[in-house]
């Protein structure tokens, strides 16, 4: 009789621990999925921010290039944009007057 009672207690404890394990495993999977979703969202936000910064940089570059070409001022420095690995062109020759 005592053996049956002990076996029943162990079985009950095992079932309780198994249920708790399954719940923890489900919570972990849910947290992992949420983390993966958040990571993907952050990657998208970072890519959008990077694209926006590049667009703003390109607009500013275009503006500076237009202003330099419209001014006719040969002493104005030529813009240098290191991200495209373009060397600074040589300065314009002085007028031959």
PDB file of N, CA and C in Angstrom:
ATOM      1  N   UNK A   1       0.823  -1.194   0.000  1.00  0.00           N
ATOM      2  CA  UNK A   1       0.000   0.000   0.000  1.00  0.00           C
ATOM      3  C   UNK A   1       0.872   1.265   0.000  1.00  0.00           C
ATOM      4  N   UNK A   2       1.920   1.261   0.787  1.00  0.00           N
ATOM      5  CA  UNK A   2       2.811   2.402   0.882  1.00  0.00           C
ATOM      6  C   UNK A   2       3.524   2.629  -0.442  1.00  0.00           C
ATOM      7  N   UNK A   3       3.873   1.544  -1.132  1.00  0.00           N
ATOM      8  CA  UNK A   3       4.549   1.662  -2.407  1.00  0.00           C
ATOM      9  C   UNK A   3       3.633   2.303  -3.448  1.00  0.00           C
ATOM     10  N   UNK A   4       2.364   1.921  -3.441  1.00  0.00           N
ATOM     11  CA  UNK A   4       1.411   2.516  -4.385  1.00  0.00           C
ATOM     12  C   UNK A   4       1.211   4.004  -4.098  1.00  0.00           C
ATOM     13  N   UNK A   5       1.174   4.350  -2.820  1.00  0.00           N
ATOM     14  CA  UNK A   5       1.007   5.752  -2.432  1.00  0.00           C
ATOM     15  C   UNK A   5       2.241   6.562  -2.862  1.00  0.00           C
ATOM     16  N   UNK A   6       3.425   5.999  -2.639  1.00  0.00           N
ATOM     17  CA  UNK A   6       4.659   6.666  -3.013  1.00  0.00           C
ATOM     18  C   UNK A   6       4.738   6.829  -4.531  1.00  0.00           C
ATOM     19  N   UNK A   7       4.368   5.797  -5.262  1.00  0.00           N
ATOM     20  CA  UNK A   7       4.368   5.862  -6.722  1.00  0.00           C
ATOM     21  C   UNK A   7       3.388   6.920  -7.214  1.00  0.00           C
ATOM     22  N   UNK A   8       2.227   7.025  -6.590  1.00  0.00           N
ATOM     23  CA  UNK A   8       1.225   8.021  -6.974  1.00  0.00           C
ATOM     24  C   UNK A   8       1.755   9.430  -6.723  1.00  0.00           C
ATOM     25  N   UNK A   9       2.446   9.626  -5.581  1.00  0.00           N
ATOM     26  CA  UNK A   9       3.019  10.937  -5.271  1.00  0.00           C
ATOM     27  C   UNK A   9       4.097  11.316  -6.297  1.00  0.00           C
ATOM     28  N   UNK A  10       4.956  10.345  -6.617  1.00  0.00           N
ATOM     29  CA  UNK A  10       6.001  10.613  -7.602  1.00  0.00           C
ATOM     30  C   UNK A  10       5.399  10.916  -8.973  1.00  0.00           C
ATOM     31  N   UNK A  11       4.381  10.186  -9.349  1.00  0.00           N
ATOM     32  CA  UNK A  11       3.728  10.418 -10.634  1.00  0.00           C
ATOM     33  C   UNK A  11       3.090  11.798 -10.664  1.00  0.00           C
ATOM     34  N   UNK A  12       2.456  12.175  -9.574  1.00  0.00           N
ATOM     35  CA  UNK A  12       1.831  13.511  -9.495  1.00  0.00           C
ATOM     36  C   UNK A  12       2.882  14.610  -9.572  1.00  0.00           C
ATOM     37  N   UNK A  13       3.990  14.411  -8.853  1.00  0.00           N
ATOM     38  CA  UNK A  13       5.060  15.405  -8.874  1.00  0.00           C
ATOM     39  C   UNK A  13       5.675  15.484 -10.283  1.00  0.00           C
ATOM     40  N   UNK A  14       5.886  14.323 -10.919  1.00  0.00           N
ATOM     41  CA  UNK A  14       6.431  14.291 -12.272  1.00  0.00           C
ATOM     42  C   UNK A  14       5.516  15.020 -13.247  1.00  0.00           C
ATOM     43  N   UNK A  15       4.229  14.754 -13.171  1.00  0.00           N
ATOM     44  CA  UNK A  15       3.268  15.413 -14.068  1.00  0.00           C
ATOM     45  C   UNK A  15       3.253  16.921 -13.846  1.00  0.00           C
ATOM     46  N   UNK A  16       3.348  17.333 -12.570  1.00  0.00           N
ATOM     47  CA  UNK A  16       3.376  18.772 -12.261  1.00  0.00           C
ATOM     48  C   UNK A  16       4.631  19.416 -12.861  1.00  0.00           C
ATOM     49  N   UNK A  17       5.790  18.781 -12.671  1.00  0.00           N
ATOM     50  CA  UNK A  17       7.037  19.325 -13.207  1.00  0.00           C
ATOM     51  C   UNK A  17       7.034  19.329 -14.735  1.00  0.00           C
ATOM     52  N   UNK A  18       6.446  18.295 -15.322  1.00  0.00           N
ATOM     53  CA  UNK A  18       6.371  18.231 -16.779  1.00  0.00           C
ATOM     54  C   UNK A  18       5.498  19.355 -17.315  1.00  0.00           C
ATOM     55  N   UNK A  19       4.375  19.614 -16.664  1.00  0.00           N
ATOM     56  CA  UNK A  19       3.481  20.710 -17.061  1.00  0.00           C
ATOM     57  C   UNK A  19       4.205  22.050 -16.935  1.00  0.00           C
ATOM     58  N   UNK A  20       4.917  22.238 -15.832  1.00  0.00           N
ATOM     59  CA  UNK A  20       5.659  23.480 -15.620  1.00  0.00           C
ATOM     60  C   UNK A  20       6.746  23.653 -16.687  1.00  0.00           C
ATOM     61  N   UNK A  21       7.431  22.569 -17.038  1.00  0.00           N
ATOM     62  CA  UNK A  21       8.464  22.611 -18.067  1.00  0.00           C
ATOM     63  C   UNK A  21       7.872  23.006 -19.419  1.00  0.00           C
ATOM     64  N   UNK A  22       6.744  22.420 -19.772  1.00  0.00           N
ATOM     65  CA  UNK A  22       6.101  22.730 -21.049  1.00  0.00           C
ATOM     66  C   UNK A  22       5.689  24.200 -21.076  1.00  0.00           C
ATOM     67  N   UNK A  23       5.173  24.716 -19.949  1.00  0.00           N
ATOM     68  CA  UNK A  23       4.784  26.131 -19.892  1.00  0.00           C
ATOM     69  C   UNK A  23       6.005  27.036 -20.052  1.00  0.00           C
ATOM     70  N   UNK A  24       7.087  26.709 -19.356  1.00  0.00           N
ATOM     71  CA  UNK A  24       8.305  27.524 -19.469  1.00  0.00           C
ATOM     72  C   UNK A  24       8.874  27.472 -20.883  1.00  0.00           C
ATOM     73  N   UNK A  25       8.817  26.293 -21.483  1.00  0.00           N
ATOM     74  CA  UNK A  25       9.309  26.154 -22.844  1.00  0.00           C
ATOM     75  C   UNK A  25       8.467  27.002 -23.808  1.00  0.00           C
ATOM     76  N   UNK A  26       7.145  27.024 -23.616  1.00  0.00           N
ATOM     77  CA  UNK A  26       6.268  27.838 -24.461  1.00  0.00           C
ATOM     78  C   UNK A  26       6.540  29.325 -24.254  1.00  0.00           C
ATOM     79  N   UNK A  27       6.735  29.734 -22.998  1.00  0.00           N
ATOM     80  CA  UNK A  27       7.049  31.139 -22.712  1.00  0.00           C
ATOM     81  C   UNK A  27       8.378  31.536 -23.369  1.00  0.00           C
ATOM     82  N   UNK A  28       9.342  30.636 -23.303  1.00  0.00           N
ATOM     83  CA  UNK A  28      10.651  30.919 -23.913  1.00  0.00           C
ATOM     84  C   UNK A  28      10.517  31.060 -25.433  1.00  0.00           C
ATOM     85  N   UNK A  29       9.749  30.171 -26.042  1.00  0.00           N
ATOM     86  CA  UNK A  29       9.550  30.251 -27.497  1.00  0.00           C
ATOM     87  C   UNK A  29       8.842  31.545 -27.868  1.00  0.00           C
ATOM     88  N   UNK A  30       7.866  31.936 -27.053  1.00  0.00           N
ATOM     89  CA  UNK A  30       7.144  33.187 -27.312  1.00  0.00           C
ATOM     90  C   UNK A  30       8.090  34.380 -27.196  1.00  0.00           C
ATOM     91  N   UNK A  31       8.915  34.382 -26.146  1.00  0.00           N
ATOM     92  CA  UNK A  31       9.873  35.479 -25.949  1.00  0.00           C
ATOM     93  C   UNK A  31      10.885  35.520 -27.088  1.00  0.00           C
ATOM     94  N   UNK A  32      11.318  34.345 -27.532  1.00  0.00           N
ATOM     95  CA  UNK A  32      12.277  34.281 -28.628  1.00  0.00           C
ATOM     96  C   UNK A  32      11.664  34.833 -29.913  1.00  0.00           C
ATOM     97  N   UNK A  33      10.402  34.509 -30.166  1.00  0.00           N
ATOM     98  CA  UNK A  33       9.721  35.027 -31.356  1.00  0.00           C
ATOM     99  C   UNK A  33       9.563  36.543 -31.264  1.00  0.00           C
ATOM    100  N   UNK A  34       9.219  37.054 -30.079  1.00  0.00           N
ATOM    101  CA  UNK A  34       9.090  38.503 -29.901  1.00  0.00           C
ATOM    102  C   UNK A  34      10.437  39.190 -30.112  1.00  0.00           C
ATOM    103  N   UNK A  35      11.503  38.584 -29.600  1.00  0.00           N
ATOM    104  CA  UNK A  35      12.832  39.163 -29.772  1.00  0.00           C
ATOM    105  C   UNK A  35      13.228  39.184 -31.249  1.00  0.00           C
ATOM    106  N   UNK A  36      12.926  38.109 -31.960  1.00  0.00           N
ATOM    107  CA  UNK A  36      13.246  38.051 -33.384  1.00  0.00           C
ATOM    108  C   UNK A  36      12.460  39.105 -34.157  1.00  0.00           C
ATOM    109  N   UNK A  37      11.196  39.297 -33.779  1.00  0.00           N
ATOM    110  CA  UNK A  37      10.371  40.309 -34.450  1.00  0.00           C
ATOM    111  C   UNK A  37      10.921  41.705 -34.171  1.00  0.00           C
ATOM    112  N   UNK A  38      11.310  41.959 -32.930  1.00  0.00           N
ATOM    113  CA  UNK A  38      11.852  43.260 -32.564  1.00  0.00           C
ATOM    114  C   UNK A  38      13.181  43.509 -33.292  1.00  0.00           C
ATOM    115  N   UNK A  39      13.999  42.471 -33.393  1.00  0.00           N
ATOM    116  CA  UNK A  39      15.277  42.597 -34.103  1.00  0.00           C
ATOM    117  C   UNK A  39      15.041  42.933 -35.568  1.00  0.00           C
ATOM    118  N   UNK A  40      14.084  42.255 -36.177  1.00  0.00           N
ATOM    119  CA  UNK A  40      13.773  42.528 -37.584  1.00  0.00           C
ATOM    120  C   UNK A  40      13.264  43.960 -37.749  1.00  0.00           C
ATOM    121  N   UNK A  41      12.442  44.403 -36.803  1.00  0.00           N
ATOM    122  CA  UNK A  41      11.916  45.762 -36.853  1.00  0.00           C
ATOM    123  C   UNK A  41      13.057  46.778 -36.719  1.00  0.00           C
ATOM    124  N   UNK A  42      13.991  46.523 -35.820  1.00  0.00           N
ATOM    125  CA  UNK A  42      15.118  47.433 -35.648  1.00  0.00           C
ATOM    126  C   UNK A  42      16.002  47.465 -36.899  1.00  0.00           C
ATOM    127  N   UNK A  43      16.174  46.316 -37.552  1.00  0.00           N
ATOM    128  CA  UNK A  43      16.952  46.293 -38.793  1.00  0.00           C
ATOM    129  C   UNK A  43      16.282  47.139 -39.862  1.00  0.00           C
ATOM    130  N   UNK A  44      14.956  47.042 -39.964  1.00  0.00           N
ATOM    131  CA  UNK A  44      14.218  47.833 -40.955  1.00  0.00           C
ATOM    132  C   UNK A  44      14.348  49.313 -40.625  1.00  0.00           C
ATOM    133  N   UNK A  45      14.179  49.668 -39.343  1.00  0.00           N
ATOM    134  CA  UNK A  45      14.290  51.076 -38.946  1.00  0.00           C
ATOM    135  C   UNK A  45      15.690  51.609 -39.238  1.00  0.00           C
ATOM    136  N   UNK A  46      16.703  50.796 -38.954  1.00  0.00           N
ATOM    137  CA  UNK A  46      18.079  51.235 -39.212  1.00  0.00           C
ATOM    138  C   UNK A  46      18.315  51.424 -40.704  1.00  0.00           C
ATOM    139  N   UNK A  47      17.799  50.523 -41.510  1.00  0.00           N
ATOM    140  CA  UNK A  47      17.966  50.645 -42.967  1.00  0.00           C
ATOM    141  C   UNK A  47      17.252  51.891 -43.490  1.00  0.00           C
ATOM    142  N   UNK A  48      16.048  52.152 -42.974  1.00  0.00           N
ATOM    143  CA  UNK A  48      15.311  53.344 -43.400  1.00  0.00           C
ATOM    144  C   UNK A  48      16.062  54.606 -42.995  1.00  0.00           C
ATOM    145  N   UNK A  49      16.587  54.609 -41.772  1.00  0.00           N
ATOM    146  CA  UNK A  49      17.325  55.779 -41.292  1.00  0.00           C
ATOM    147  C   UNK A  49      18.579  55.999 -42.132  1.00  0.00           C
ATOM    148  N   UNK A  50      19.275  54.911 -42.448  1.00  0.00           N
ATOM    149  CA  UNK A  50      20.475  55.015 -43.264  1.00  0.00           C
ATOM    150  C   UNK A  50      20.137  55.537 -44.660  1.00  0.00           C
ATOM    151  N   UNK A  51      19.062  55.041 -45.236  1.00  0.00           N
ATOM    152  CA  UNK A  51      18.648  55.505 -46.559  1.00  0.00           C
ATOM    153  C   UNK A  51      18.261  56.984 -46.517  1.00  0.00           C
ATOM    154  N   UNK A  52      17.586  57.385 -45.450  1.00  0.00           N
ATOM    155  CA  UNK A  52      17.184  58.792 -45.310  1.00  0.00           C
ATOM    156  C   UNK A  52      18.430  59.679 -45.187  1.00  0.00           C
ATOM    157  N   UNK A  53      19.401  59.238 -44.383  1.00  0.00           N
ATOM    158  CA  UNK A  53      20.617  60.030 -44.236  1.00  0.00           C
ATOM    159  C   UNK A  53      21.372  60.134 -45.568  1.00  0.00           C
ATOM    160  N   UNK A  54      21.441  59.044 -46.310  1.00  0.00           N
ATOM    161  CA  UNK A  54      22.120  59.078 -47.604  1.00  0.00           C
ATOM    162  C   UNK A  54      21.394  60.015 -48.563  1.00  0.00           C
ATOM    163  N   UNK A  55      20.049  59.973 -48.546  1.00  0.00           N
ATOM    164  CA  UNK A  55      19.284  60.860 -49.428  1.00  0.00           C
ATOM    165  C   UNK A  55      19.533  62.320 -49.062  1.00  0.00           C
ATOM    166  N   UNK A  56      19.540  62.621 -47.769  1.00  0.00           N
ATOM    167  CA  UNK A  56      19.804  63.997 -47.334  1.00  0.00           C
ATOM    168  C   UNK A  56      21.218  64.417 -47.729  1.00  0.00           C
ATOM    169  N   UNK A  57      22.163  63.512 -47.566  1.00  0.00           N
ATOM    170  CA  UNK A  57      23.545  63.810 -47.933  1.00  0.00           C
ATOM    171  C   UNK A  57      23.656  64.069 -49.433  1.00  0.00           C
ATOM    172  N   UNK A  58      22.991  63.244 -50.227  1.00  0.00           N
ATOM    173  CA  UNK A  58      23.023  63.426 -51.679  1.00  0.00           C
ATOM    174  C   UNK A  58      22.368  64.743 -52.092  1.00  0.00           C
ATOM    175  N   UNK A  59      21.259  65.104 -51.420  1.00  0.00           N
ATOM    176  CA  UNK A  59      20.606  66.380 -51.719  1.00  0.00           C
ATOM    177  C   UNK A  59      21.528  67.545 -51.386  1.00  0.00           C
ATOM    178  N   UNK A  60      22.172  67.468 -50.235  1.00  0.00           N
ATOM    179  CA  UNK A  60      23.089  68.527 -49.838  1.00  0.00           C
ATOM    180  C   UNK A  60      24.262  68.609 -50.816  1.00  0.00           C
ATOM    181  N   UNK A  61      24.774  67.470 -51.217  1.00  0.00           N
ATOM    182  CA  UNK A  61      25.873  67.442 -52.178  1.00  0.00           C
ATOM    183  C   UNK A  61      25.455  68.083 -53.496  1.00  0.00           C
ATOM    184  N   UNK A  62      24.260  67.713 -53.959  1.00  0.00           N
ATOM    185  CA  UNK A  62      23.757  68.293 -55.219  1.00  0.00           C
ATOM    186  C   UNK A  62      23.586  69.805 -55.088  1.00  0.00           C
ATOM    187  N   UNK A  63      23.070  70.240 -53.947  1.00  0.00           N
ATOM    188  CA  UNK A  63      22.886  71.670 -53.709  1.00  0.00           C
ATOM    189  C   UNK A  63      24.221  72.405 -53.740  1.00  0.00           C
ATOM    190  N   UNK A  64      25.222  71.859 -53.051  1.00  0.00           N
ATOM    191  CA  UNK A  64      26.535  72.507 -53.012  1.00  0.00           C
ATOM    192  C   UNK A  64      27.154  72.537 -54.401  1.00  0.00           C
ATOM    193  N   UNK A  65      27.019  71.437 -55.125  1.00  0.00           N
ATOM    194  CA  UNK A  65      27.578  71.399 -56.481  1.00  0.00           C
ATOM    195  C   UNK A  65      26.885  72.433 -57.375  1.00  0.00           C
ATOM    196  N   UNK A  66      25.574  72.551 -57.275  1.00  0.00           N
ATOM    197  CA  UNK A  66      24.845  73.542 -58.070  1.00  0.00           C
ATOM    198  C   UNK A  66      25.241  74.960 -57.696  1.00  0.00           C
ATOM    199  N   UNK A  67      25.356  75.207 -56.399  1.00  0.00           N
ATOM    200  CA  UNK A  67      25.731  76.556 -55.956  1.00  0.00           C
ATOM    201  C   UNK A  67      27.134  76.898 -56.446  1.00  0.00           C
ATOM    202  N   UNK A  68      28.053  75.944 -56.398  1.00  0.00           N
ATOM    203  CA  UNK A  68      29.419  76.206 -56.842  1.00  0.00           C
ATOM    204  C   UNK A  68      29.453  76.449 -58.349  1.00  0.00           C
ATOM    205  N   UNK A  69      28.652  75.722 -59.100  1.00  0.00           N
ATOM    206  CA  UNK A  69      28.675  75.902 -60.548  1.00  0.00           C
ATOM    207  C   UNK A  69      27.961  77.188 -60.960  1.00  0.00           C
ATOM    208  N   UNK A  70      26.951  77.623 -60.195  1.00  0.00           N
ATOM    209  CA  UNK A  70      26.212  78.840 -60.538  1.00  0.00           C
ATOM    210  C   UNK A  70      26.951  80.101 -60.120  1.00  0.00           C
ATOM    211  N   UNK A  71      27.789  79.982 -59.086  1.00  0.00           N
ATOM    212  CA  UNK A  71      28.436  81.189 -58.571  1.00  0.00           C
ATOM    213  C   UNK A  71      29.492  81.722 -59.535  1.00  0.00           C
ATOM    214  N   UNK A  72      30.123  80.847 -60.297  1.00  0.00           N
ATOM    215  CA  UNK A  72      31.167  81.299 -61.205  1.00  0.00           C
ATOM    216  C   UNK A  72      32.433  81.684 -60.471  1.00  0.00           C
ATOM    217  N   UNK A  73      32.459  81.511 -59.193  1.00  0.00           N
ATOM    218  CA  UNK A  73      33.621  81.857 -58.377  1.00  0.00           C
ATOM    219  C   UNK A  73      34.633  80.723 -58.493  1.00  0.00           C
ATOM    220  N   UNK A  74      35.752  81.008 -59.150  1.00  0.00           N
ATOM    221  CA  UNK A  74      36.754  79.951 -59.344  1.00  0.00           C
ATOM    222  C   UNK A  74      37.557  79.699 -58.081  1.00  0.00           C
ATOM    223  N   UNK A  75      37.464  80.588 -57.105  1.00  0.00           N
ATOM    224  CA  UNK A  75      38.206  80.370 -55.862  1.00  0.00           C
ATOM    225  C   UNK A  75      37.416  79.497 -54.889  1.00  0.00           C
ATOM    226  N   UNK A  76      36.170  79.232 -55.223  1.00  0.00           N
ATOM    227  CA  UNK A  76      35.361  78.390 -54.323  1.00  0.00           C
ATOM    228  C   UNK A  76      35.935  76.984 -54.309  1.00  0.00           C
ATOM    229  N   UNK A  77      36.072  76.405 -53.139  1.00  0.00           N
ATOM    230  CA  UNK A  77      36.653  75.063 -53.071  1.00  0.00           C
ATOM    231  C   UNK A  77      35.727  74.036 -53.716  1.00  0.00           C
ATOM    232  N   UNK A  78      36.320  73.077 -54.344  1.00  0.00           N
ATOM    233  CA  UNK A  78      35.546  71.990 -54.933  1.00  0.00           C
ATOM    234  C   UNK A  78      35.163  71.033 -53.812  1.00  0.00           C
ATOM    235  N   UNK A  79      33.912  70.683 -53.728  1.00  0.00           N
ATOM    236  CA  UNK A  79      33.515  69.769 -52.641  1.00  0.00           C
ATOM    237  C   UNK A  79      34.220  68.419 -52.776  1.00  0.00           C
ATOM    238  N   UNK A  80      34.577  67.870 -51.645  1.00  0.00           N
ATOM    239  CA  UNK A  80      35.223  66.560 -51.621  1.00  0.00           C
ATOM    240  C   UNK A  80      34.331  65.620 -50.828  1.00  0.00           C
ATOM    241  N   UNK A  81      33.970  64.514 -51.437  1.00  0.00           N
ATOM    242  CA  UNK A  81      33.063  63.558 -50.794  1.00  0.00           C
ATOM    243  C   UNK A  81      33.799  62.232 -50.651  1.00  0.00           C
ATOM    244  N   UNK A  82      34.314  61.978 -49.473  1.00  0.00           N
ATOM    245  CA  UNK A  82      35.177  60.801 -49.306  1.00  0.00           C
ATOM    246  C   UNK A  82      34.457  59.465 -49.473  1.00  0.00           C
ATOM    247  N   UNK A  83      33.129  59.442 -49.332  1.00  0.00           N
ATOM    248  CA  UNK A  83      32.463  58.142 -49.391  1.00  0.00           C
ATOM    249  C   UNK A  83      32.507  57.532 -50.775  1.00  0.00           C
ATOM    250  N   UNK A  84      32.707  58.334 -51.822  1.00  0.00           N
ATOM    251  CA  UNK A  84      32.772  57.748 -53.163  1.00  0.00           C
ATOM    252  C   UNK A  84      34.218  57.651 -53.674  1.00  0.00           C
ATOM    253  N   UNK A  85      35.179  57.900 -52.790  1.00  0.00           N
ATOM    254  CA  UNK A  85      36.605  57.749 -53.098  1.00  0.00           C
ATOM    255  C   UNK A  85      37.049  58.563 -54.308  1.00  0.00           C
ATOM    256  N   UNK A  86      36.486  59.724 -54.481  1.00  0.00           N
ATOM    257  CA  UNK A  86      36.878  60.615 -55.572  1.00  0.00           C
ATOM    258  C   UNK A  86      37.922  61.599 -55.035  1.00  0.00           C
ATOM    259  N   UNK A  87      39.090  61.693 -55.669  1.00  0.00           N
ATOM    260  CA  UNK A  87      40.079  62.669 -55.201  1.00  0.00           C
ATOM    261  C   UNK A  87      39.652  64.086 -55.585  1.00  0.00           C
ATOM    262  N   UNK A  88      40.155  65.037 -54.842  1.00  0.00           N
ATOM    263  CA  UNK A  88      39.854  66.436 -55.138  1.00  0.00           C
ATOM    264  C   UNK A  88      40.510  66.807 -56.461  1.00  0.00           C
ATOM    265  N   UNK A  89      39.744  67.405 -57.386  1.00  0.00           N
ATOM    266  CA  UNK A  89      40.343  67.792 -58.667  1.00  0.00           C
ATOM    267  C   UNK A  89      41.345  68.936 -58.463  1.00  0.00           C
ATOM    268  N   UNK A  90      42.248  69.118 -59.405  1.00  0.00           N
ATOM    269  CA  UNK A  90      43.224  70.202 -59.258  1.00  0.00           C
ATOM    270  C   UNK A  90      42.523  71.554 -59.333  1.00  0.00           C
ATOM    271  N   UNK A  91      43.110  72.582 -58.711  1.00  0.00           N
ATOM    272  CA  UNK A  91      42.483  73.897 -58.764  1.00  0.00           C
ATOM    273  C   UNK A  91      42.480  74.433 -60.190  1.00  0.00           C
ATOM    274  N   UNK A  92      41.505  75.288 -60.503  1.00  0.00           N
ATOM    275  CA  UNK A  92      41.466  75.838 -61.869  1.00  0.00           C
ATOM    276  C   UNK A  92      42.672  76.758 -62.114  1.00  0.00           C
ATOM    277  N   UNK A  93      43.063  76.814 -63.352  1.00  0.00           N
ATOM    278  CA  UNK A  93      44.197  77.654 -63.726  1.00  0.00           C
ATOM    279  C   UNK A  93      43.799  79.129 -63.603  1.00  0.00           C
ATOM    280  N   UNK A  94      44.732  79.999 -63.248  1.00  0.00           N
ATOM    281  CA  UNK A  94      44.400  81.424 -63.168  1.00  0.00           C
ATOM    282  C   UNK A  94      44.117  81.991 -64.569  1.00  0.00           C
ATOM    283  N   UNK A  95      43.309  83.044 -64.627  1.00  0.00           N
ATOM    284  CA  UNK A  95      42.987  83.633 -65.944  1.00  0.00           C
ATOM    285  C   UNK A  95      44.267  84.168 -66.626  1.00  0.00           C
ATOM    286  N   UNK A  96      44.286  84.075 -67.935  1.00  0.00           N
ATOM    287  CA  UNK A  96      45.457  84.510 -68.705  1.00  0.00           C
ATOM    288  C   UNK A  96      45.240  85.919 -69.282  1.00  0.00           C
ATOM    289  N   UNK A  97      45.036  86.875 -68.449  1.00  0.00           N
ATOM    290  CA  UNK A  97      44.812  88.251 -68.900  1.00  0.00           C
ATOM    291  C   UNK A  97      46.028  89.091 -68.784  1.00  0.00           C
TER     292      UNK A  97
END
